[in-house]
C-alpha cells in the first residue's frame, strides 16, 4: 500500500458543495483505505495498492458518480508532498505576502502557466518540479494578483489546483502518518 495526497479542484466554491464526511465515505466505498480529509477545501490523504495515475482516474470517476460533477484531482505520492514543501523557498507565514503552490497533473500546462507568470512584471515564482510551482501574492490581495488571475483561467481548470503553503504542510504531516 502506498500513501497519496489528493487535491480536489473547485469543491465548496462555486456551487459544488461536498461535506467532508460524505467525501470520505465515497472514497472508502470506491476502494480506498485510510481515507482522511483535511480542512473543507478538498484535501485528502489515503492509501491504495494502485499507482498515482490509476488513483487519479478512479477518484475522478468516483466523484463524478457519487456527487454528479465534472471532477478533477491532482494526486501526489505522500513523500513527494514533503519534497515540495521542503523545496519551497518562500515563507510559511509572512505579514506582507502569502505563499501558494499550484499543483498540476499535466506538466505541459504548468509549463504554460509558469511562462505566463514569468512574463508578469514583479511576479515572484519558483518551479519546484514538473508538478508544482510556488508563487507569492500580497496579503489580502491574492484573488486580485495578476498570477492568480492567470491561473484561474478555464484552460487550467482540469489540470491545476492551488493551495497555500500552510495547507500543504498540514497535508504533508497527515500523509506522513500513513507510512
N, C-alpha and C. Protein backbone atom coordinates (compact mmCIF):
# COMPACT_ATOMS: atom_id res chain seq x y z
N UNK A 1 0.84 -1.19 0.00
CA UNK A 1 0.00 0.00 0.00
C UNK A 1 0.88 1.24 0.00
N UNK A 2 0.51 2.18 -0.83
CA UNK A 2 1.22 3.45 -0.90
C UNK A 2 0.32 4.57 -0.42
N UNK A 3 0.95 5.57 0.19
CA UNK A 3 0.21 6.74 0.66
C UNK A 3 0.19 7.82 -0.39
N UNK A 4 -0.96 8.47 -0.52
CA UNK A 4 -1.14 9.54 -1.50
C UNK A 4 -1.83 10.74 -0.88
N UNK A 5 -1.51 11.89 -1.43
CA UNK A 5 -2.23 13.13 -1.14
C UNK A 5 -3.05 13.44 -2.38
N UNK A 6 -4.32 13.75 -2.17
CA UNK A 6 -5.24 14.03 -3.27
C UNK A 6 -5.78 15.44 -3.07
N UNK A 7 -5.69 16.24 -4.12
CA UNK A 7 -6.13 17.63 -4.07
C UNK A 7 -7.27 17.79 -5.07
N UNK A 8 -8.49 18.00 -4.56
CA UNK A 8 -9.66 18.17 -5.41
C UNK A 8 -9.73 19.61 -5.88
N UNK A 9 -10.15 19.79 -7.10
CA UNK A 9 -10.26 21.13 -7.69
C UNK A 9 -11.69 21.61 -7.60
N UNK A 10 -11.88 22.81 -7.04
CA UNK A 10 -13.15 23.52 -7.13
C UNK A 10 -14.30 22.99 -6.32
N UNK A 11 -14.05 22.37 -5.17
CA UNK A 11 -15.20 21.98 -4.36
C UNK A 11 -15.38 22.99 -3.22
N UNK A 12 -16.61 23.08 -2.76
CA UNK A 12 -17.02 24.01 -1.71
C UNK A 12 -16.80 25.46 -2.10
N UNK A 13 -16.81 25.68 -3.42
CA UNK A 13 -16.83 27.02 -4.02
C UNK A 13 -17.67 26.89 -5.29
N UNK A 14 -18.27 27.94 -5.70
CA UNK A 14 -18.98 27.93 -6.98
C UNK A 14 -20.14 26.95 -7.08
N UNK A 15 -20.77 26.61 -5.96
CA UNK A 15 -21.95 25.77 -6.01
C UNK A 15 -21.71 24.28 -5.91
N UNK A 16 -20.48 23.83 -5.90
CA UNK A 16 -20.20 22.40 -5.72
C UNK A 16 -19.84 22.20 -4.25
N UNK A 17 -20.82 21.80 -3.47
CA UNK A 17 -20.62 21.64 -2.03
C UNK A 17 -20.65 20.17 -1.65
N UNK A 18 -19.57 19.74 -1.03
CA UNK A 18 -19.45 18.35 -0.60
C UNK A 18 -19.01 18.34 0.86
N UNK A 19 -19.79 17.69 1.68
CA UNK A 19 -19.39 17.53 3.08
C UNK A 19 -18.21 16.57 3.15
N UNK A 20 -17.28 16.86 4.02
CA UNK A 20 -16.08 16.03 4.11
C UNK A 20 -16.41 14.61 4.55
N UNK A 21 -17.40 14.43 5.40
CA UNK A 21 -17.80 13.08 5.79
C UNK A 21 -18.33 12.30 4.59
N UNK A 22 -19.08 12.98 3.72
CA UNK A 22 -19.60 12.32 2.51
C UNK A 22 -18.46 11.99 1.55
N UNK A 23 -17.48 12.88 1.44
CA UNK A 23 -16.32 12.63 0.59
C UNK A 23 -15.55 11.42 1.10
N UNK A 24 -15.32 11.38 2.38
CA UNK A 24 -14.60 10.26 3.00
C UNK A 24 -15.35 8.94 2.74
N UNK A 25 -16.66 8.97 2.94
CA UNK A 25 -17.46 7.75 2.72
C UNK A 25 -17.41 7.31 1.26
N UNK A 26 -17.52 8.26 0.33
CA UNK A 26 -17.50 7.92 -1.10
C UNK A 26 -16.17 7.29 -1.49
N UNK A 27 -15.07 7.88 -1.04
CA UNK A 27 -13.75 7.35 -1.40
C UNK A 27 -13.51 5.98 -0.77
N UNK A 28 -13.99 5.80 0.44
CA UNK A 28 -13.87 4.50 1.09
C UNK A 28 -14.68 3.46 0.33
N UNK A 29 -15.90 3.82 -0.08
CA UNK A 29 -16.74 2.87 -0.81
C UNK A 29 -16.18 2.56 -2.20
N UNK A 30 -15.32 3.44 -2.71
CA UNK A 30 -14.68 3.20 -4.02
C UNK A 30 -13.38 2.42 -3.88
N UNK A 31 -13.09 1.92 -2.68
CA UNK A 31 -11.98 1.01 -2.51
C UNK A 31 -10.70 1.57 -1.92
N UNK A 32 -10.72 2.83 -1.50
CA UNK A 32 -9.52 3.41 -0.91
C UNK A 32 -9.50 3.17 0.59
N UNK A 33 -8.30 3.08 1.16
CA UNK A 33 -8.13 2.82 2.59
C UNK A 33 -7.53 4.03 3.29
N UNK A 34 -7.70 4.07 4.59
CA UNK A 34 -7.09 5.10 5.45
C UNK A 34 -7.46 6.51 4.98
N UNK A 35 -8.68 6.70 4.50
CA UNK A 35 -9.10 7.99 3.94
C UNK A 35 -9.28 9.01 5.06
N UNK A 36 -8.59 10.14 4.90
CA UNK A 36 -8.71 11.23 5.87
C UNK A 36 -8.80 12.54 5.09
N UNK A 37 -9.81 13.35 5.42
CA UNK A 37 -9.94 14.66 4.80
C UNK A 37 -9.31 15.70 5.71
N UNK A 38 -8.82 16.78 5.08
CA UNK A 38 -8.19 17.86 5.84
C UNK A 38 -8.81 19.17 5.39
N UNK A 39 -9.25 19.95 6.33
CA UNK A 39 -9.90 21.22 6.07
C UNK A 39 -11.15 20.93 5.23
N UNK A 40 -11.81 21.92 4.73
CA UNK A 40 -13.03 21.68 3.96
C UNK A 40 -12.84 22.10 2.51
N UNK A 41 -11.61 22.02 2.04
CA UNK A 41 -11.34 22.52 0.70
C UNK A 41 -10.80 21.46 -0.25
N UNK A 42 -11.10 20.19 0.04
CA UNK A 42 -10.75 19.14 -0.91
C UNK A 42 -9.34 18.63 -0.81
N UNK A 43 -8.86 18.43 0.39
CA UNK A 43 -7.55 17.83 0.62
C UNK A 43 -7.78 16.49 1.30
N UNK A 44 -7.20 15.43 0.72
CA UNK A 44 -7.43 14.08 1.22
C UNK A 44 -6.10 13.35 1.23
N UNK A 45 -5.91 12.53 2.25
CA UNK A 45 -4.81 11.56 2.22
C UNK A 45 -5.46 10.18 2.31
N UNK A 46 -4.83 9.21 1.65
CA UNK A 46 -5.38 7.86 1.62
C UNK A 46 -4.30 6.88 1.20
N UNK A 47 -4.62 5.62 1.26
CA UNK A 47 -3.69 4.61 0.77
C UNK A 47 -4.39 3.78 -0.31
N UNK A 48 -3.55 3.24 -1.19
CA UNK A 48 -4.04 2.41 -2.28
C UNK A 48 -2.92 1.50 -2.75
N UNK A 49 -3.31 0.38 -3.33
CA UNK A 49 -2.33 -0.52 -3.94
C UNK A 49 -2.01 -0.09 -5.36
N UNK A 50 -2.77 0.84 -5.92
CA UNK A 50 -2.59 1.30 -7.29
C UNK A 50 -1.52 2.40 -7.37
N UNK A 51 -1.06 2.67 -8.58
CA UNK A 51 -0.16 3.78 -8.82
C UNK A 51 -0.93 5.09 -8.87
N UNK A 52 -0.21 6.20 -8.87
CA UNK A 52 -0.83 7.53 -8.81
C UNK A 52 -1.78 7.79 -9.98
N UNK A 53 -1.41 7.40 -11.19
CA UNK A 53 -2.28 7.65 -12.35
C UNK A 53 -3.60 6.90 -12.22
N UNK A 54 -3.55 5.67 -11.76
CA UNK A 54 -4.77 4.89 -11.59
C UNK A 54 -5.61 5.45 -10.44
N UNK A 55 -4.96 5.90 -9.38
CA UNK A 55 -5.68 6.52 -8.25
C UNK A 55 -6.42 7.76 -8.74
N UNK A 56 -5.74 8.59 -9.53
CA UNK A 56 -6.37 9.80 -10.07
C UNK A 56 -7.62 9.44 -10.88
N UNK A 57 -7.48 8.51 -11.80
CA UNK A 57 -8.60 8.13 -12.65
C UNK A 57 -9.76 7.57 -11.82
N UNK A 58 -9.46 6.71 -10.87
CA UNK A 58 -10.51 6.09 -10.06
C UNK A 58 -11.21 7.13 -9.19
N UNK A 59 -10.46 8.06 -8.62
CA UNK A 59 -11.08 9.08 -7.77
C UNK A 59 -11.97 10.00 -8.60
N UNK A 60 -11.50 10.42 -9.76
CA UNK A 60 -12.34 11.29 -10.61
C UNK A 60 -13.64 10.58 -10.99
N UNK A 61 -13.57 9.31 -11.34
CA UNK A 61 -14.78 8.55 -11.66
C UNK A 61 -15.68 8.43 -10.44
N UNK A 62 -15.10 8.16 -9.28
CA UNK A 62 -15.85 8.02 -8.04
C UNK A 62 -16.59 9.31 -7.71
N UNK A 63 -15.90 10.44 -7.83
CA UNK A 63 -16.51 11.74 -7.51
C UNK A 63 -17.61 12.09 -8.50
N UNK A 64 -17.38 11.81 -9.77
CA UNK A 64 -18.40 12.10 -10.79
C UNK A 64 -19.66 11.28 -10.52
N UNK A 65 -19.48 10.02 -10.18
CA UNK A 65 -20.61 9.14 -9.90
C UNK A 65 -21.30 9.52 -8.58
N UNK A 66 -20.52 9.75 -7.55
CA UNK A 66 -21.07 10.00 -6.22
C UNK A 66 -21.70 11.38 -6.06
N UNK A 67 -21.12 12.38 -6.73
CA UNK A 67 -21.56 13.75 -6.47
C UNK A 67 -22.06 14.49 -7.71
N UNK A 68 -21.97 13.85 -8.88
CA UNK A 68 -22.56 14.41 -10.08
C UNK A 68 -21.94 15.69 -10.59
N UNK A 69 -20.64 15.81 -10.51
CA UNK A 69 -19.98 16.98 -11.08
C UNK A 69 -18.73 16.54 -11.83
N UNK A 70 -18.23 17.40 -12.68
CA UNK A 70 -17.06 17.09 -13.50
C UNK A 70 -15.80 17.26 -12.65
N UNK A 71 -15.39 16.20 -12.00
CA UNK A 71 -14.31 16.24 -11.02
C UNK A 71 -12.93 16.16 -11.65
N UNK A 72 -12.02 16.97 -11.11
CA UNK A 72 -10.60 16.90 -11.47
C UNK A 72 -9.79 16.90 -10.20
N UNK A 73 -8.77 16.06 -10.15
CA UNK A 73 -7.91 15.99 -8.97
C UNK A 73 -6.45 15.93 -9.40
N UNK A 74 -5.60 16.31 -8.48
CA UNK A 74 -4.15 16.11 -8.61
C UNK A 74 -3.78 15.13 -7.51
N UNK A 75 -3.06 14.08 -7.87
CA UNK A 75 -2.65 13.05 -6.92
C UNK A 75 -1.13 13.03 -6.86
N UNK A 76 -0.60 13.09 -5.65
CA UNK A 76 0.85 13.03 -5.44
C UNK A 76 1.17 11.96 -4.41
N UNK A 77 2.27 11.28 -4.60
CA UNK A 77 2.75 10.35 -3.58
C UNK A 77 3.02 11.15 -2.31
N UNK A 78 2.75 10.54 -1.17
CA UNK A 78 2.90 11.23 0.11
C UNK A 78 4.29 11.83 0.26
N UNK A 79 5.31 11.08 -0.09
CA UNK A 79 6.69 11.57 0.03
C UNK A 79 6.96 12.76 -0.87
N UNK A 80 6.30 12.82 -2.00
CA UNK A 80 6.51 13.94 -2.93
C UNK A 80 5.98 15.24 -2.34
N UNK A 81 4.90 15.20 -1.61
CA UNK A 81 4.39 16.40 -0.95
C UNK A 81 5.44 16.95 0.01
N UNK A 82 6.07 16.08 0.76
CA UNK A 82 7.13 16.51 1.68
C UNK A 82 8.29 17.16 0.92
N UNK A 83 8.66 16.58 -0.21
CA UNK A 83 9.75 17.15 -1.01
C UNK A 83 9.39 18.53 -1.53
N UNK A 84 8.16 18.72 -1.96
CA UNK A 84 7.74 20.02 -2.49
C UNK A 84 7.71 21.08 -1.40
N UNK A 85 7.23 20.72 -0.23
CA UNK A 85 7.22 21.66 0.90
C UNK A 85 8.66 22.07 1.23
N UNK A 86 9.54 21.10 1.27
CA UNK A 86 10.95 21.37 1.57
C UNK A 86 11.60 22.25 0.51
N UNK A 87 11.24 22.07 -0.74
CA UNK A 87 11.84 22.81 -1.85
C UNK A 87 11.33 24.25 -1.96
N UNK A 88 10.23 24.56 -1.31
CA UNK A 88 9.66 25.89 -1.44
C UNK A 88 10.55 26.93 -0.75
N UNK A 89 11.00 27.94 -1.50
CA UNK A 89 11.92 28.93 -0.92
C UNK A 89 11.21 30.06 -0.18
N UNK A 90 9.90 30.08 -0.20
CA UNK A 90 9.15 31.18 0.37
C UNK A 90 8.67 30.85 1.78
N UNK A 91 8.37 31.90 2.57
CA UNK A 91 8.00 31.67 3.98
C UNK A 91 6.60 31.06 4.13
N UNK A 92 6.47 30.29 5.19
CA UNK A 92 5.16 29.71 5.54
C UNK A 92 4.21 30.81 6.00
N UNK A 93 4.71 31.71 6.80
CA UNK A 93 3.91 32.82 7.31
C UNK A 93 4.68 34.12 7.16
N UNK A 94 4.01 35.12 6.61
CA UNK A 94 4.62 36.43 6.42
C UNK A 94 3.49 37.45 6.43
N UNK A 95 3.69 38.57 7.06
CA UNK A 95 2.65 39.59 7.16
C UNK A 95 2.36 40.26 5.82
N UNK A 96 3.34 40.32 4.95
CA UNK A 96 3.21 41.05 3.68
C UNK A 96 2.74 40.19 2.51
N UNK A 97 3.11 38.92 2.52
CA UNK A 97 2.80 38.05 1.39
C UNK A 97 2.30 36.69 1.86
N UNK A 98 1.62 36.02 0.96
CA UNK A 98 1.19 34.64 1.20
C UNK A 98 1.85 33.76 0.14
N UNK A 99 2.27 32.58 0.58
CA UNK A 99 2.91 31.64 -0.32
C UNK A 99 1.89 30.61 -0.80
N UNK A 100 1.84 30.43 -2.11
CA UNK A 100 0.95 29.46 -2.73
C UNK A 100 1.75 28.48 -3.57
N UNK A 101 1.21 27.28 -3.71
CA UNK A 101 1.80 26.30 -4.60
C UNK A 101 0.70 25.79 -5.52
N UNK A 102 0.91 25.98 -6.81
CA UNK A 102 0.00 25.45 -7.81
C UNK A 102 0.49 24.07 -8.19
N UNK A 103 -0.40 23.09 -8.06
CA UNK A 103 -0.09 21.69 -8.37
C UNK A 103 -0.76 21.34 -9.68
N UNK A 104 -0.10 20.50 -10.46
CA UNK A 104 -0.64 20.16 -11.78
C UNK A 104 -0.54 18.67 -12.05
N UNK A 105 -1.53 18.18 -12.80
CA UNK A 105 -1.50 16.79 -13.26
C UNK A 105 -0.96 16.71 -14.69
N UNK A 106 -0.66 17.86 -15.29
CA UNK A 106 -0.16 17.92 -16.66
C UNK A 106 1.00 18.93 -16.68
N UNK A 107 2.23 18.42 -16.81
CA UNK A 107 3.42 19.27 -16.76
C UNK A 107 3.42 20.33 -17.87
N UNK A 108 2.90 20.00 -19.04
CA UNK A 108 2.88 20.96 -20.14
C UNK A 108 1.99 22.17 -19.81
N UNK A 109 0.88 21.93 -19.15
CA UNK A 109 0.01 23.04 -18.75
C UNK A 109 0.69 23.89 -17.68
N UNK A 110 1.43 23.24 -16.78
CA UNK A 110 2.15 24.00 -15.77
C UNK A 110 3.29 24.79 -16.41
N UNK A 111 3.92 24.23 -17.44
CA UNK A 111 4.95 24.96 -18.20
C UNK A 111 4.35 26.26 -18.75
N UNK A 112 3.17 26.14 -19.33
CA UNK A 112 2.50 27.30 -19.91
C UNK A 112 2.16 28.34 -18.83
N UNK A 113 1.66 27.88 -17.71
CA UNK A 113 1.33 28.78 -16.61
C UNK A 113 2.59 29.43 -16.04
N UNK A 114 3.65 28.67 -15.93
CA UNK A 114 4.93 29.18 -15.44
C UNK A 114 5.45 30.28 -16.36
N UNK A 115 5.40 30.06 -17.66
CA UNK A 115 5.86 31.06 -18.63
C UNK A 115 5.00 32.32 -18.57
N UNK A 116 3.69 32.15 -18.45
CA UNK A 116 2.79 33.31 -18.37
C UNK A 116 3.07 34.12 -17.11
N UNK A 117 3.31 33.45 -16.01
CA UNK A 117 3.61 34.14 -14.76
C UNK A 117 4.95 34.84 -14.80
N UNK A 118 5.94 34.21 -15.41
CA UNK A 118 7.27 34.81 -15.52
C UNK A 118 7.25 36.09 -16.34
N UNK A 119 6.29 36.20 -17.25
CA UNK A 119 6.19 37.39 -18.10
C UNK A 119 5.54 38.57 -17.37
N UNK A 120 4.96 38.32 -16.21
CA UNK A 120 4.32 39.40 -15.46
C UNK A 120 5.35 40.26 -14.75
N UNK A 121 5.16 41.54 -14.80
CA UNK A 121 6.07 42.45 -14.10
C UNK A 121 5.91 42.28 -12.59
N UNK A 122 7.03 42.08 -11.91
CA UNK A 122 7.02 41.96 -10.46
C UNK A 122 6.58 40.60 -9.94
N UNK A 123 6.36 39.64 -10.81
CA UNK A 123 5.94 38.32 -10.38
C UNK A 123 7.10 37.59 -9.72
N UNK A 124 6.81 36.95 -8.60
CA UNK A 124 7.83 36.15 -7.94
C UNK A 124 7.31 34.72 -7.84
N UNK A 125 8.00 33.81 -8.53
CA UNK A 125 7.59 32.42 -8.54
C UNK A 125 8.82 31.54 -8.70
N UNK A 126 8.65 30.26 -8.33
CA UNK A 126 9.75 29.30 -8.44
C UNK A 126 9.17 27.94 -8.77
N UNK A 127 9.67 27.34 -9.82
CA UNK A 127 9.25 25.99 -10.20
C UNK A 127 9.88 25.01 -9.23
N UNK A 128 9.06 24.17 -8.62
CA UNK A 128 9.54 23.21 -7.63
C UNK A 128 9.73 21.82 -8.22
N UNK A 129 9.19 21.61 -9.41
CA UNK A 129 9.27 20.31 -10.07
C UNK A 129 8.29 20.30 -11.22
N UNK A 130 8.17 19.16 -11.90
CA UNK A 130 7.28 19.12 -13.06
C UNK A 130 5.80 19.30 -12.70
N UNK A 131 5.47 19.11 -11.41
CA UNK A 131 4.08 19.18 -10.99
C UNK A 131 3.77 20.32 -10.03
N UNK A 132 4.72 21.22 -9.78
CA UNK A 132 4.47 22.25 -8.77
C UNK A 132 5.21 23.56 -9.05
N UNK A 133 4.51 24.64 -8.77
CA UNK A 133 5.03 25.99 -8.96
C UNK A 133 4.65 26.82 -7.74
N UNK A 134 5.65 27.35 -7.04
CA UNK A 134 5.40 28.20 -5.88
C UNK A 134 5.38 29.65 -6.32
N UNK A 135 4.50 30.43 -5.70
CA UNK A 135 4.40 31.85 -6.04
C UNK A 135 3.90 32.65 -4.85
N UNK A 136 4.14 33.93 -4.92
CA UNK A 136 3.76 34.84 -3.84
C UNK A 136 2.64 35.75 -4.28
N UNK A 137 1.79 36.10 -3.31
CA UNK A 137 0.73 37.08 -3.54
C UNK A 137 0.71 38.02 -2.34
N UNK A 138 0.35 39.26 -2.56
CA UNK A 138 0.28 40.18 -1.43
C UNK A 138 -0.82 39.76 -0.46
N UNK A 139 -0.54 39.89 0.83
CA UNK A 139 -1.53 39.59 1.85
C UNK A 139 -2.78 40.42 1.60
N UNK A 140 -3.93 39.77 1.60
CA UNK A 140 -5.19 40.46 1.38
C UNK A 140 -5.52 40.72 -0.08
N UNK A 141 -4.64 40.33 -0.99
CA UNK A 141 -4.89 40.60 -2.40
C UNK A 141 -4.66 39.42 -3.30
N UNK A 142 -4.78 38.23 -2.77
CA UNK A 142 -4.49 37.03 -3.55
C UNK A 142 -5.33 36.94 -4.82
N UNK A 143 -6.64 37.06 -4.70
CA UNK A 143 -7.50 36.89 -5.87
C UNK A 143 -7.32 37.98 -6.90
N UNK A 144 -6.83 39.13 -6.47
CA UNK A 144 -6.60 40.24 -7.40
C UNK A 144 -5.19 40.24 -7.98
N UNK A 145 -4.33 39.32 -7.51
CA UNK A 145 -2.96 39.32 -8.01
C UNK A 145 -2.95 38.88 -9.47
N UNK A 146 -2.06 39.44 -10.26
CA UNK A 146 -2.00 39.07 -11.69
C UNK A 146 -1.81 37.57 -11.92
N UNK A 147 -0.97 36.93 -11.11
CA UNK A 147 -0.75 35.49 -11.32
C UNK A 147 -2.01 34.70 -11.00
N UNK A 148 -2.70 35.08 -9.94
CA UNK A 148 -3.94 34.39 -9.59
C UNK A 148 -4.96 34.49 -10.71
N UNK A 149 -5.04 35.66 -11.34
CA UNK A 149 -5.98 35.84 -12.44
C UNK A 149 -5.63 34.95 -13.63
N UNK A 150 -4.34 34.79 -13.90
CA UNK A 150 -3.92 33.89 -14.99
C UNK A 150 -4.24 32.44 -14.63
N UNK A 151 -3.88 32.04 -13.42
CA UNK A 151 -4.03 30.63 -13.04
C UNK A 151 -5.49 30.21 -12.92
N UNK A 152 -6.40 31.15 -12.77
CA UNK A 152 -7.82 30.80 -12.64
C UNK A 152 -8.54 30.70 -13.99
N UNK A 153 -7.81 30.91 -15.07
CA UNK A 153 -8.42 30.80 -16.40
C UNK A 153 -8.91 29.38 -16.65
N UNK A 154 -9.99 29.28 -17.41
CA UNK A 154 -10.65 28.00 -17.67
C UNK A 154 -9.71 26.95 -18.26
N UNK A 155 -8.73 27.36 -19.05
CA UNK A 155 -7.86 26.38 -19.70
C UNK A 155 -7.02 25.57 -18.71
N UNK A 156 -6.84 26.09 -17.49
CA UNK A 156 -6.05 25.39 -16.48
C UNK A 156 -6.93 24.59 -15.51
N UNK A 157 -8.23 24.72 -15.62
CA UNK A 157 -9.17 24.16 -14.65
C UNK A 157 -9.03 22.64 -14.46
N UNK A 158 -8.90 21.92 -15.54
CA UNK A 158 -8.88 20.45 -15.45
C UNK A 158 -7.54 19.88 -14.99
N UNK A 159 -6.49 20.71 -14.95
CA UNK A 159 -5.17 20.16 -14.67
C UNK A 159 -4.44 20.79 -13.50
N UNK A 160 -4.95 21.88 -12.94
CA UNK A 160 -4.23 22.54 -11.85
C UNK A 160 -5.14 22.85 -10.68
N UNK A 161 -4.54 22.96 -9.52
CA UNK A 161 -5.22 23.44 -8.32
C UNK A 161 -4.16 24.10 -7.45
N UNK A 162 -4.58 25.07 -6.66
CA UNK A 162 -3.63 25.84 -5.86
C UNK A 162 -3.97 25.72 -4.38
N UNK A 163 -2.93 25.59 -3.57
CA UNK A 163 -3.06 25.56 -2.11
C UNK A 163 -2.03 26.50 -1.52
N UNK A 164 -2.36 27.06 -0.35
CA UNK A 164 -1.33 27.85 0.32
C UNK A 164 -0.35 26.90 1.00
N UNK A 165 0.83 27.42 1.28
CA UNK A 165 1.89 26.57 1.83
C UNK A 165 1.49 25.99 3.18
N UNK A 166 0.76 26.75 3.99
CA UNK A 166 0.33 26.22 5.29
C UNK A 166 -0.54 24.97 5.11
N UNK A 167 -1.41 24.98 4.12
CA UNK A 167 -2.25 23.81 3.86
C UNK A 167 -1.39 22.63 3.42
N UNK A 168 -0.43 22.87 2.54
CA UNK A 168 0.44 21.77 2.10
C UNK A 168 1.23 21.18 3.25
N UNK A 169 1.61 21.98 4.20
CA UNK A 169 2.32 21.47 5.37
C UNK A 169 1.40 20.54 6.17
N UNK A 170 0.13 20.92 6.32
CA UNK A 170 -0.83 20.06 7.03
C UNK A 170 -1.05 18.75 6.26
N UNK A 171 -1.14 18.84 4.96
CA UNK A 171 -1.31 17.63 4.15
C UNK A 171 -0.06 16.75 4.25
N UNK A 172 1.12 17.37 4.18
CA UNK A 172 2.37 16.61 4.33
C UNK A 172 2.38 15.85 5.64
N UNK A 173 2.01 16.52 6.74
CA UNK A 173 2.05 15.89 8.05
C UNK A 173 1.03 14.73 8.15
N UNK A 174 -0.16 14.93 7.58
CA UNK A 174 -1.17 13.86 7.59
C UNK A 174 -0.73 12.70 6.71
N UNK A 175 -0.12 12.99 5.56
CA UNK A 175 0.34 11.93 4.67
C UNK A 175 1.48 11.14 5.29
N UNK A 176 2.34 11.81 6.04
CA UNK A 176 3.45 11.13 6.71
C UNK A 176 2.94 10.10 7.72
N UNK A 177 1.79 10.38 8.30
CA UNK A 177 1.22 9.45 9.30
C UNK A 177 0.70 8.17 8.64
N UNK A 178 0.55 8.16 7.31
CA UNK A 178 0.09 6.95 6.61
C UNK A 178 1.16 5.87 6.57
N UNK A 179 2.42 6.30 6.65
CA UNK A 179 3.52 5.34 6.49
C UNK A 179 3.73 4.51 7.73
